[in-house]
All heavy atoms as atom14 arrays in JSON, in Angstrom:
{
  "sequence": "KAFYGRDISFLAGWLLIITTQVLGYGWAGILRKYVVEPAHMWWPSTL",
  "atom14_mask": [
    [1, 1, 1, 1, 1, 1, 1, 1, 1, 0, 0, 0, 0, 0],
    [1, 1, 1, 1, 1, 0, 0, 0, 0, 0, 0, 0, 0, 0],
    [1, 1, 1, 1, 1, 1, 1, 1, 1, 1, 1, 0, 0, 0],
    [1, 1, 1, 1, 1, 1, 1, 1, 1, 1, 1, 1, 0, 0],
    [1, 1, 1, 1, 0, 0, 0, 0, 0, 0, 0, 0, 0, 0],
    [1, 1, 1, 1, 1, 1, 1, 1, 1, 1, 1, 0, 0, 0],
    [1, 1, 1, 1, 1, 1, 1, 1, 0, 0, 0, 0, 0, 0],
    [1, 1, 1, 1, 1, 1, 1, 1, 0, 0, 0, 0, 0, 0],
    [1, 1, 1, 1, 1, 1, 0, 0, 0, 0, 0, 0, 0, 0],
    [1, 1, 1, 1, 1, 1, 1, 1, 1, 1, 1, 0, 0, 0],
    [1, 1, 1, 1, 1, 1, 1, 1, 0, 0, 0, 0, 0, 0],
    [1, 1, 1, 1, 1, 0, 0, 0, 0, 0, 0, 0, 0, 0],
    [1, 1, 1, 1, 0, 0, 0, 0, 0, 0, 0, 0, 0, 0],
    [1, 1, 1, 1, 1, 1, 1, 1, 1, 1, 1, 1, 1, 1],
    [1, 1, 1, 1, 1, 1, 1, 1, 0, 0, 0, 0, 0, 0],
    [1, 1, 1, 1, 1, 1, 1, 1, 0, 0, 0, 0, 0, 0],
    [1, 1, 1, 1, 1, 1, 1, 1, 0, 0, 0, 0, 0, 0],
    [1, 1, 1, 1, 1, 1, 1, 1, 0, 0, 0, 0, 0, 0],
    [1, 1, 1, 1, 1, 1, 1, 0, 0, 0, 0, 0, 0, 0],
    [1, 1, 1, 1, 1, 1, 1, 0, 0, 0, 0, 0, 0, 0],
    [1, 1, 1, 1, 1, 1, 1, 1, 1, 0, 0, 0, 0, 0],
    [1, 1, 1, 1, 1, 1, 1, 0, 0, 0, 0, 0, 0, 0],
    [1, 1, 1, 1, 1, 1, 1, 1, 0, 0, 0, 0, 0, 0],
    [1, 1, 1, 1, 0, 0, 0, 0, 0, 0, 0, 0, 0, 0],
    [1, 1, 1, 1, 1, 1, 1, 1, 1, 1, 1, 1, 0, 0],
    [1, 1, 1, 1, 0, 0, 0, 0, 0, 0, 0, 0, 0, 0],
    [1, 1, 1, 1, 1, 1, 1, 1, 1, 1, 1, 1, 1, 1],
    [1, 1, 1, 1, 1, 0, 0, 0, 0, 0, 0, 0, 0, 0],
    [1, 1, 1, 1, 0, 0, 0, 0, 0, 0, 0, 0, 0, 0],
    [1, 1, 1, 1, 1, 1, 1, 1, 0, 0, 0, 0, 0, 0],
    [1, 1, 1, 1, 1, 1, 1, 1, 0, 0, 0, 0, 0, 0],
    [1, 1, 1, 1, 1, 1, 1, 1, 1, 1, 1, 0, 0, 0],
    [1, 1, 1, 1, 1, 1, 1, 1, 1, 0, 0, 0, 0, 0],
    [1, 1, 1, 1, 1, 1, 1, 1, 1, 1, 1, 1, 0, 0],
    [1, 1, 1, 1, 1, 1, 1, 0, 0, 0, 0, 0, 0, 0],
    [1, 1, 1, 1, 1, 1, 1, 0, 0, 0, 0, 0, 0, 0],
    [1, 1, 1, 1, 1, 1, 1, 1, 1, 0, 0, 0, 0, 0],
    [1, 1, 1, 1, 1, 1, 1, 0, 0, 0, 0, 0, 0, 0],
    [1, 1, 1, 1, 1, 0, 0, 0, 0, 0, 0, 0, 0, 0],
    [1, 1, 1, 1, 1, 1, 1, 1, 1, 1, 0, 0, 0, 0],
    [1, 1, 1, 1, 1, 1, 1, 1, 0, 0, 0, 0, 0, 0],
    [1, 1, 1, 1, 1, 1, 1, 1, 1, 1, 1, 1, 1, 1],
    [1, 1, 1, 1, 1, 1, 1, 1, 1, 1, 1, 1, 1, 1],
    [1, 1, 1, 1, 1, 1, 1, 0, 0, 0, 0, 0, 0, 0],
    [1, 1, 1, 1, 1, 1, 0, 0, 0, 0, 0, 0, 0, 0],
    [1, 1, 1, 1, 1, 1, 1, 0, 0, 0, 0, 0, 0, 0],
    [1, 1, 1, 1, 1, 1, 1, 1, 0, 0, 0, 0, 0, 0]
  ],
  "atom14_positions": [
    [[38.15, -34.01, 116.87], [38.54, -34.65, 118.14], [40.18, -35.1, 118.03], [40.82, -34.92, 119.02], [37.72, -35.8, 118.56], [36.27, -35.37, 118.88], [35.49, -36.67, 119.31], [35.74, -37.07, 120.53], [35.55, -36.15, 121.68], [0.0, 0.0, 0.0], [0.0, 0.0, 0.0], [0.0, 0.0, 0.0], [0.0, 0.0, 0.0], [0.0, 0.0, 0.0]],
    [[40.58, -35.71, 116.95], [41.93, -36.33, 116.89], [42.98, -35.39, 116.4], [44.04, -35.44, 116.97], [41.88, -37.65, 116.12], [0.0, 0.0, 0.0], [0.0, 0.0, 0.0], [0.0, 0.0, 0.0], [0.0, 0.0, 0.0], [0.0, 0.0, 0.0], [0.0, 0.0, 0.0], [0.0, 0.0, 0.0], [0.0, 0.0, 0.0], [0.0, 0.0, 0.0]],
    [[42.69, -34.62, 115.43], [43.68, -33.72, 114.92], [43.67, -32.31, 115.45], [44.77, -31.75, 115.74], [43.54, -33.71, 113.34], [43.88, -34.98, 112.7], [42.91, -35.89, 112.32], [45.25, -35.31, 112.48], [43.38, -37.08, 111.77], [45.65, -36.56, 111.86], [44.61, -37.4, 111.51], [0.0, 0.0, 0.0], [0.0, 0.0, 0.0], [0.0, 0.0, 0.0]],
    [[42.48, -31.68, 115.5], [42.43, -30.33, 116.07], [42.35, -30.29, 117.56], [42.7, -29.3, 118.2], [41.22, -29.54, 115.52], [41.34, -29.09, 114.01], [40.57, -29.83, 112.93], [42.26, -28.16, 113.7], [40.79, -29.44, 111.7], [42.37, -27.75, 112.38], [41.62, -28.34, 111.34], [41.68, -28.05, 110.12], [0.0, 0.0, 0.0], [0.0, 0.0, 0.0]],
    [[42.06, -31.48, 118.18], [42.11, -31.54, 119.67], [40.93, -30.64, 120.23], [41.09, -30.24, 121.41], [0.0, 0.0, 0.0], [0.0, 0.0, 0.0], [0.0, 0.0, 0.0], [0.0, 0.0, 0.0], [0.0, 0.0, 0.0], [0.0, 0.0, 0.0], [0.0, 0.0, 0.0], [0.0, 0.0, 0.0], [0.0, 0.0, 0.0], [0.0, 0.0, 0.0]],
    [[39.8, -30.61, 119.53], [38.72, -29.71, 120.03], [37.6, -30.77, 120.35], [37.63, -31.92, 119.98], [38.19, -28.68, 119.07], [39.39, -27.78, 118.67], [39.87, -26.92, 119.73], [40.99, -26.14, 119.4], [41.0, -24.88, 119.2], [39.76, -24.26, 119.08], [42.02, -24.21, 118.79], [0.0, 0.0, 0.0], [0.0, 0.0, 0.0], [0.0, 0.0, 0.0]],
    [[36.41, -30.19, 120.94], [35.41, -31.01, 121.25], [34.23, -30.83, 120.38], [33.87, -29.71, 119.93], [34.89, -30.68, 122.77], [35.84, -31.26, 123.8], [36.38, -32.41, 123.53], [36.07, -30.73, 124.85], [0.0, 0.0, 0.0], [0.0, 0.0, 0.0], [0.0, 0.0, 0.0], [0.0, 0.0, 0.0], [0.0, 0.0, 0.0], [0.0, 0.0, 0.0]],
    [[33.45, -31.92, 120.09], [32.21, -31.85, 119.43], [31.18, -32.75, 120.22], [31.69, -33.8, 120.57], [32.19, -32.25, 117.9], [30.83, -32.12, 117.24], [32.9, -33.57, 117.82], [30.91, -32.33, 115.78], [0.0, 0.0, 0.0], [0.0, 0.0, 0.0], [0.0, 0.0, 0.0], [0.0, 0.0, 0.0], [0.0, 0.0, 0.0], [0.0, 0.0, 0.0]],
    [[30.01, -32.43, 120.47], [29.15, -33.31, 121.29], [28.67, -34.46, 120.39], [28.69, -34.41, 119.26], [27.9, -32.53, 121.71], [27.12, -32.09, 120.64], [0.0, 0.0, 0.0], [0.0, 0.0, 0.0], [0.0, 0.0, 0.0], [0.0, 0.0, 0.0], [0.0, 0.0, 0.0], [0.0, 0.0, 0.0], [0.0, 0.0, 0.0], [0.0, 0.0, 0.0]],
    [[28.3, -35.5, 121.12], [27.82, -36.74, 120.42], [26.6, -36.44, 119.71], [26.47, -36.9, 118.53], [27.52, -37.84, 121.41], [27.2, -39.06, 120.91], [28.21, -40.04, 120.48], [25.85, -39.47, 120.63], [27.87, -41.28, 119.98], [25.5, -40.7, 120.08], [26.5, -41.65, 119.75], [0.0, 0.0, 0.0], [0.0, 0.0, 0.0], [0.0, 0.0, 0.0]],
    [[25.71, -35.63, 120.25], [24.55, -35.25, 119.57], [24.79, -34.52, 118.22], [24.12, -34.81, 117.25], [23.61, -34.38, 120.46], [22.28, -33.83, 119.8], [21.36, -35.03, 119.43], [21.58, -32.86, 120.72], [0.0, 0.0, 0.0], [0.0, 0.0, 0.0], [0.0, 0.0, 0.0], [0.0, 0.0, 0.0], [0.0, 0.0, 0.0], [0.0, 0.0, 0.0]],
    [[25.68, -33.54, 118.21], [26.03, -32.79, 116.94], [26.6, -33.77, 115.94], [26.24, -33.64, 114.73], [27.03, -31.62, 117.31], [0.0, 0.0, 0.0], [0.0, 0.0, 0.0], [0.0, 0.0, 0.0], [0.0, 0.0, 0.0], [0.0, 0.0, 0.0], [0.0, 0.0, 0.0], [0.0, 0.0, 0.0], [0.0, 0.0, 0.0], [0.0, 0.0, 0.0]],
    [[27.59, -34.64, 116.47], [28.1, -35.54, 115.59], [27.04, -36.6, 114.94], [27.02, -36.81, 113.66], [0.0, 0.0, 0.0], [0.0, 0.0, 0.0], [0.0, 0.0, 0.0], [0.0, 0.0, 0.0], [0.0, 0.0, 0.0], [0.0, 0.0, 0.0], [0.0, 0.0, 0.0], [0.0, 0.0, 0.0], [0.0, 0.0, 0.0], [0.0, 0.0, 0.0]],
    [[26.13, -37.04, 115.7], [25.08, -37.95, 115.23], [24.15, -37.23, 114.17], [23.93, -37.75, 113.11], [24.32, -38.48, 116.42], [23.21, -39.44, 116.06], [23.47, -40.83, 115.69], [21.82, -39.14, 115.88], [22.26, -41.44, 115.44], [21.22, -40.56, 115.55], [21.02, -38.1, 116.08], [19.84, -40.62, 115.33], [19.65, -38.22, 115.83], [19.07, -39.47, 115.52]],
    [[23.67, -35.98, 114.74], [22.88, -35.19, 113.67], [23.56, -34.96, 112.37], [22.85, -35.11, 111.31], [22.4, -33.99, 114.35], [21.44, -34.06, 115.46], [21.12, -32.7, 116.07], [20.12, -34.65, 115.0], [0.0, 0.0, 0.0], [0.0, 0.0, 0.0], [0.0, 0.0, 0.0], [0.0, 0.0, 0.0], [0.0, 0.0, 0.0], [0.0, 0.0, 0.0]],
    [[24.82, -34.58, 112.38], [25.65, -34.28, 111.18], [25.63, -35.47, 110.31], [25.42, -35.49, 108.99], [27.06, -33.94, 111.55], [27.97, -33.32, 110.47], [27.4, -32.07, 109.92], [29.33, -33.09, 111.16], [0.0, 0.0, 0.0], [0.0, 0.0, 0.0], [0.0, 0.0, 0.0], [0.0, 0.0, 0.0], [0.0, 0.0, 0.0], [0.0, 0.0, 0.0]],
    [[25.84, -36.69, 110.86], [25.91, -37.97, 110.05], [24.61, -38.37, 109.51], [24.46, -38.56, 108.34], [26.58, -39.09, 111.0], [27.98, -38.88, 111.27], [26.33, -40.4, 110.24], [28.56, -39.77, 112.39], [0.0, 0.0, 0.0], [0.0, 0.0, 0.0], [0.0, 0.0, 0.0], [0.0, 0.0, 0.0], [0.0, 0.0, 0.0], [0.0, 0.0, 0.0]],
    [[23.62, -38.28, 110.27], [22.26, -38.76, 109.82], [21.69, -37.81, 108.8], [21.2, -38.21, 107.81], [21.3, -38.81, 111.07], [21.68, -39.93, 112.12], [19.88, -39.13, 110.46], [21.95, -41.25, 111.41], [0.0, 0.0, 0.0], [0.0, 0.0, 0.0], [0.0, 0.0, 0.0], [0.0, 0.0, 0.0], [0.0, 0.0, 0.0], [0.0, 0.0, 0.0]],
    [[21.83, -36.44, 109.01], [21.18, -35.57, 108.01], [21.94, -35.59, 106.7], [21.35, -35.5, 105.69], [21.25, -34.11, 108.57], [22.63, -33.73, 109.06], [20.29, -33.9, 109.7], [0.0, 0.0, 0.0], [0.0, 0.0, 0.0], [0.0, 0.0, 0.0], [0.0, 0.0, 0.0], [0.0, 0.0, 0.0], [0.0, 0.0, 0.0], [0.0, 0.0, 0.0]],
    [[23.21, -35.73, 106.79], [24.03, -35.83, 105.39], [23.71, -37.02, 104.64], [23.66, -37.05, 103.41], [25.52, -35.63, 105.66], [25.93, -36.71, 106.63], [25.99, -34.33, 106.18], [0.0, 0.0, 0.0], [0.0, 0.0, 0.0], [0.0, 0.0, 0.0], [0.0, 0.0, 0.0], [0.0, 0.0, 0.0], [0.0, 0.0, 0.0], [0.0, 0.0, 0.0]],
    [[23.46, -38.11, 105.41], [23.14, -39.37, 104.76], [21.68, -39.3, 104.16], [21.34, -39.79, 103.12], [23.19, -40.52, 105.77], [24.66, -40.95, 106.22], [25.51, -41.5, 105.22], [26.18, -40.72, 104.42], [25.61, -42.75, 105.15], [0.0, 0.0, 0.0], [0.0, 0.0, 0.0], [0.0, 0.0, 0.0], [0.0, 0.0, 0.0], [0.0, 0.0, 0.0]],
    [[20.75, -38.86, 105.06], [19.35, -38.99, 104.71], [18.97, -37.85, 103.64], [18.08, -38.04, 102.77], [18.35, -38.81, 105.9], [16.9, -38.67, 105.46], [18.59, -39.85, 106.88], [0.0, 0.0, 0.0], [0.0, 0.0, 0.0], [0.0, 0.0, 0.0], [0.0, 0.0, 0.0], [0.0, 0.0, 0.0], [0.0, 0.0, 0.0], [0.0, 0.0, 0.0]],
    [[19.71, -36.77, 103.51], [19.49, -35.68, 102.58], [19.67, -36.28, 101.2], [18.83, -36.05, 100.26], [20.6, -34.63, 102.74], [20.26, -33.33, 101.91], [19.02, -32.76, 102.19], [21.4, -32.26, 102.23], [0.0, 0.0, 0.0], [0.0, 0.0, 0.0], [0.0, 0.0, 0.0], [0.0, 0.0, 0.0], [0.0, 0.0, 0.0], [0.0, 0.0, 0.0]],
    [[20.72, -37.14, 100.87], [20.82, -37.81, 99.64], [19.63, -38.71, 99.32], [19.28, -38.75, 98.07], [0.0, 0.0, 0.0], [0.0, 0.0, 0.0], [0.0, 0.0, 0.0], [0.0, 0.0, 0.0], [0.0, 0.0, 0.0], [0.0, 0.0, 0.0], [0.0, 0.0, 0.0], [0.0, 0.0, 0.0], [0.0, 0.0, 0.0], [0.0, 0.0, 0.0]],
    [[19.04, -39.36, 100.3], [17.84, -40.04, 99.96], [16.71, -39.33, 99.49], [15.93, -39.67, 98.71], [17.51, -40.81, 101.28], [16.68, -42.02, 101.2], [16.61, -42.71, 99.94], [15.69, -42.41, 102.17], [15.68, -43.92, 99.86], [14.91, -43.54, 101.99], [14.94, -44.24, 100.87], [14.11, -45.36, 100.7], [0.0, 0.0, 0.0], [0.0, 0.0, 0.0]],
    [[16.54, -38.1, 99.95], [15.53, -37.16, 99.6], [15.61, -36.88, 98.06], [14.79, -36.93, 97.22], [0.0, 0.0, 0.0], [0.0, 0.0, 0.0], [0.0, 0.0, 0.0], [0.0, 0.0, 0.0], [0.0, 0.0, 0.0], [0.0, 0.0, 0.0], [0.0, 0.0, 0.0], [0.0, 0.0, 0.0], [0.0, 0.0, 0.0], [0.0, 0.0, 0.0]],
    [[17.04, -36.53, 97.6], [17.16, -36.2, 96.2], [16.82, -37.38, 95.42], [16.23, -37.31, 94.3], [18.61, -35.83, 95.93], [19.23, -34.71, 96.76], [20.42, -34.66, 97.34], [18.6, -33.41, 97.14], [20.69, -33.52, 98.02], [19.57, -32.73, 97.89], [17.35, -32.88, 96.81], [19.35, -31.37, 98.36], [17.1, -31.61, 97.35], [18.04, -30.87, 98.13]],
    [[17.38, -38.62, 95.91], [17.01, -39.9, 95.08], [15.63, -40.14, 94.91], [15.19, -40.55, 93.9], [17.76, -41.02, 95.81], [0.0, 0.0, 0.0], [0.0, 0.0, 0.0], [0.0, 0.0, 0.0], [0.0, 0.0, 0.0], [0.0, 0.0, 0.0], [0.0, 0.0, 0.0], [0.0, 0.0, 0.0], [0.0, 0.0, 0.0], [0.0, 0.0, 0.0]],
    [[14.8, -39.89, 95.92], [13.44, -40.24, 95.78], [12.69, -39.37, 94.71], [11.85, -39.88, 94.03], [0.0, 0.0, 0.0], [0.0, 0.0, 0.0], [0.0, 0.0, 0.0], [0.0, 0.0, 0.0], [0.0, 0.0, 0.0], [0.0, 0.0, 0.0], [0.0, 0.0, 0.0], [0.0, 0.0, 0.0], [0.0, 0.0, 0.0], [0.0, 0.0, 0.0]],
    [[13.07, -38.12, 94.76], [12.52, -37.16, 93.81], [12.94, -37.48, 92.33], [12.02, -37.43, 91.39], [12.91, -35.68, 94.18], [12.29, -35.32, 95.51], [12.51, -34.79, 92.97], [12.82, -34.05, 96.07], [0.0, 0.0, 0.0], [0.0, 0.0, 0.0], [0.0, 0.0, 0.0], [0.0, 0.0, 0.0], [0.0, 0.0, 0.0], [0.0, 0.0, 0.0]],
    [[14.1, -37.92, 92.11], [14.59, -38.22, 90.74], [14.53, -39.54, 90.19], [14.96, -39.94, 89.08], [16.13, -37.81, 90.76], [16.32, -36.31, 91.09], [17.84, -36.01, 91.21], [15.75, -35.38, 90.06], [0.0, 0.0, 0.0], [0.0, 0.0, 0.0], [0.0, 0.0, 0.0], [0.0, 0.0, 0.0], [0.0, 0.0, 0.0], [0.0, 0.0, 0.0]],
    [[14.0, -40.57, 91.13], [13.95, -41.9, 90.65], [13.16, -42.13, 89.33], [13.48, -43.06, 88.57], [13.61, -42.84, 91.86], [12.08, -42.66, 92.24], [11.79, -43.25, 93.64], [10.48, -42.98, 93.94], [9.36, -43.72, 93.75], [9.6, -44.86, 93.13], [8.25, -43.39, 94.13], [0.0, 0.0, 0.0], [0.0, 0.0, 0.0], [0.0, 0.0, 0.0]],
    [[12.06, -41.36, 89.15], [11.28, -41.45, 87.97], [12.07, -41.21, 86.67], [11.71, -41.72, 85.64], [10.11, -40.5, 87.95], [9.09, -40.71, 89.1], [8.2, -41.74, 88.82], [7.06, -41.95, 89.87], [6.3, -43.22, 89.7], [0.0, 0.0, 0.0], [0.0, 0.0, 0.0], [0.0, 0.0, 0.0], [0.0, 0.0, 0.0], [0.0, 0.0, 0.0]],
    [[13.06, -40.39, 86.77], [13.83, -40.15, 85.56], [15.16, -40.95, 85.39], [15.51, -41.09, 84.26], [14.29, -38.65, 85.67], [13.18, -37.65, 85.97], [13.06, -36.99, 87.21], [12.2, -37.37, 85.01], [12.03, -36.25, 87.37], [11.25, -36.63, 85.23], [11.06, -35.96, 86.5], [10.02, -35.08, 86.72], [0.0, 0.0, 0.0], [0.0, 0.0, 0.0]],
    [[15.74, -41.58, 86.36], [16.88, -42.34, 86.2], [16.81, -43.67, 86.73], [17.8, -44.51, 86.5], [18.08, -41.57, 86.8], [18.48, -40.26, 86.2], [17.81, -41.31, 88.33], [0.0, 0.0, 0.0], [0.0, 0.0, 0.0], [0.0, 0.0, 0.0], [0.0, 0.0, 0.0], [0.0, 0.0, 0.0], [0.0, 0.0, 0.0], [0.0, 0.0, 0.0]],
    [[15.67, -44.19, 87.2], [15.59, -45.57, 87.55], [14.56, -46.39, 86.68], [14.76, -47.45, 86.19], [15.02, -45.75, 89.02], [14.77, -47.13, 89.33], [16.09, -45.18, 89.96], [0.0, 0.0, 0.0], [0.0, 0.0, 0.0], [0.0, 0.0, 0.0], [0.0, 0.0, 0.0], [0.0, 0.0, 0.0], [0.0, 0.0, 0.0], [0.0, 0.0, 0.0]],
    [[13.35, -45.79, 86.45], [12.37, -46.5, 85.69], [12.63, -46.53, 84.22], [12.17, -47.71, 83.65], [11.0, -45.73, 85.97], [10.51, -45.88, 87.38], [9.09, -45.3, 87.56], [8.52, -44.84, 86.65], [8.62, -45.36, 88.83], [0.0, 0.0, 0.0], [0.0, 0.0, 0.0], [0.0, 0.0, 0.0], [0.0, 0.0, 0.0], [0.0, 0.0, 0.0]],
    [[13.22, -45.57, 83.49], [13.42, -45.83, 82.26], [14.49, -46.96, 81.77], [15.46, -46.96, 82.44], [13.91, -44.34, 81.67], [13.55, -43.45, 82.74], [13.5, -44.25, 84.07], [0.0, 0.0, 0.0], [0.0, 0.0, 0.0], [0.0, 0.0, 0.0], [0.0, 0.0, 0.0], [0.0, 0.0, 0.0], [0.0, 0.0, 0.0], [0.0, 0.0, 0.0]],
    [[14.15, -47.63, 80.86], [15.07, -48.8, 80.4], [16.4, -48.26, 79.9], [17.42, -48.78, 79.93], [14.37, -49.59, 79.29], [0.0, 0.0, 0.0], [0.0, 0.0, 0.0], [0.0, 0.0, 0.0], [0.0, 0.0, 0.0], [0.0, 0.0, 0.0], [0.0, 0.0, 0.0], [0.0, 0.0, 0.0], [0.0, 0.0, 0.0], [0.0, 0.0, 0.0]],
    [[16.29, -46.9, 79.34], [17.56, -46.34, 78.82], [18.62, -46.07, 79.89], [19.71, -45.96, 79.69], [17.33, -45.1, 77.97], [16.34, -45.29, 76.88], [16.72, -45.89, 75.81], [15.08, -44.97, 76.77], [15.73, -46.06, 74.92], [14.62, -45.44, 75.51], [0.0, 0.0, 0.0], [0.0, 0.0, 0.0], [0.0, 0.0, 0.0], [0.0, 0.0, 0.0]],
    [[18.09, -45.95, 81.1], [19.01, -45.76, 82.3], [19.34, -47.16, 82.82], [18.6, -47.6, 83.78], [18.38, -44.87, 83.39], [17.92, -43.45, 82.76], [19.39, -42.54, 82.36], [18.69, -41.28, 81.28], [0.0, 0.0, 0.0], [0.0, 0.0, 0.0], [0.0, 0.0, 0.0], [0.0, 0.0, 0.0], [0.0, 0.0, 0.0], [0.0, 0.0, 0.0]],
    [[20.36, -47.67, 82.31], [20.49, -49.15, 82.55], [21.49, -49.46, 83.69], [21.65, -50.59, 84.32], [20.99, -49.91, 81.32], [22.22, -49.38, 80.71], [22.4, -48.23, 80.08], [23.41, -50.05, 80.37], [23.73, -48.05, 79.47], [24.34, -49.23, 79.69], [23.88, -51.35, 80.81], [25.5, -49.68, 79.25], [25.14, -51.8, 80.43], [25.98, -51.0, 79.69]],
    [[22.21, -48.47, 84.24], [23.2, -48.69, 85.47], [23.99, -49.84, 85.3], [23.77, -50.9, 85.9], [22.39, -48.72, 86.75], [21.69, -47.5, 87.05], [20.49, -47.03, 86.55], [22.05, -46.4, 87.87], [20.16, -45.8, 86.98], [21.08, -45.41, 87.77], [23.2, -46.13, 88.71], [21.25, -44.09, 88.67], [23.31, -45.0, 89.4], [22.34, -44.03, 89.43]],
    [[25.24, -49.74, 84.44], [25.91, -51.09, 84.25], [26.43, -51.81, 85.44], [26.4, -53.03, 85.44], [27.18, -50.54, 83.38], [26.66, -49.21, 82.83], [25.68, -48.67, 83.82], [0.0, 0.0, 0.0], [0.0, 0.0, 0.0], [0.0, 0.0, 0.0], [0.0, 0.0, 0.0], [0.0, 0.0, 0.0], [0.0, 0.0, 0.0], [0.0, 0.0, 0.0]],
    [[26.89, -51.11, 86.47], [27.46, -51.76, 87.71], [26.33, -52.64, 88.35], [26.71, -53.7, 88.99], [28.02, -50.74, 88.66], [27.06, -49.96, 89.1], [0.0, 0.0, 0.0], [0.0, 0.0, 0.0], [0.0, 0.0, 0.0], [0.0, 0.0, 0.0], [0.0, 0.0, 0.0], [0.0, 0.0, 0.0], [0.0, 0.0, 0.0], [0.0, 0.0, 0.0]],
    [[25.11, -52.24, 88.23], [24.07, -52.95, 88.88], [23.89, -54.43, 88.14], [23.53, -55.38, 88.86], [22.76, -52.23, 88.78], [22.98, -51.0, 89.35], [21.57, -52.82, 89.61], [0.0, 0.0, 0.0], [0.0, 0.0, 0.0], [0.0, 0.0, 0.0], [0.0, 0.0, 0.0], [0.0, 0.0, 0.0], [0.0, 0.0, 0.0], [0.0, 0.0, 0.0]],
    [[24.16, -54.44, 86.98], [23.98, -55.74, 86.25], [24.87, -56.79, 86.66], [24.65, -58.0, 86.68], [24.16, -55.45, 84.75], [23.16, -54.61, 84.01], [23.47, -54.38, 82.57], [21.78, -55.14, 84.22], [0.0, 0.0, 0.0], [0.0, 0.0, 0.0], [0.0, 0.0, 0.0], [0.0, 0.0, 0.0], [0.0, 0.0, 0.0], [0.0, 0.0, 0.0]]
  ]
}
């Protein structure tokens, strides 16, 4: 909208934002058994 001066619909923009955000949640849910539950995966920044 600002740089190319073209149009995108509000619906397309909203779907683009929601799907890209929620897609990451799908990967996280599948992999949490391997990188969240084990004590060896300690995530320093979380401490």
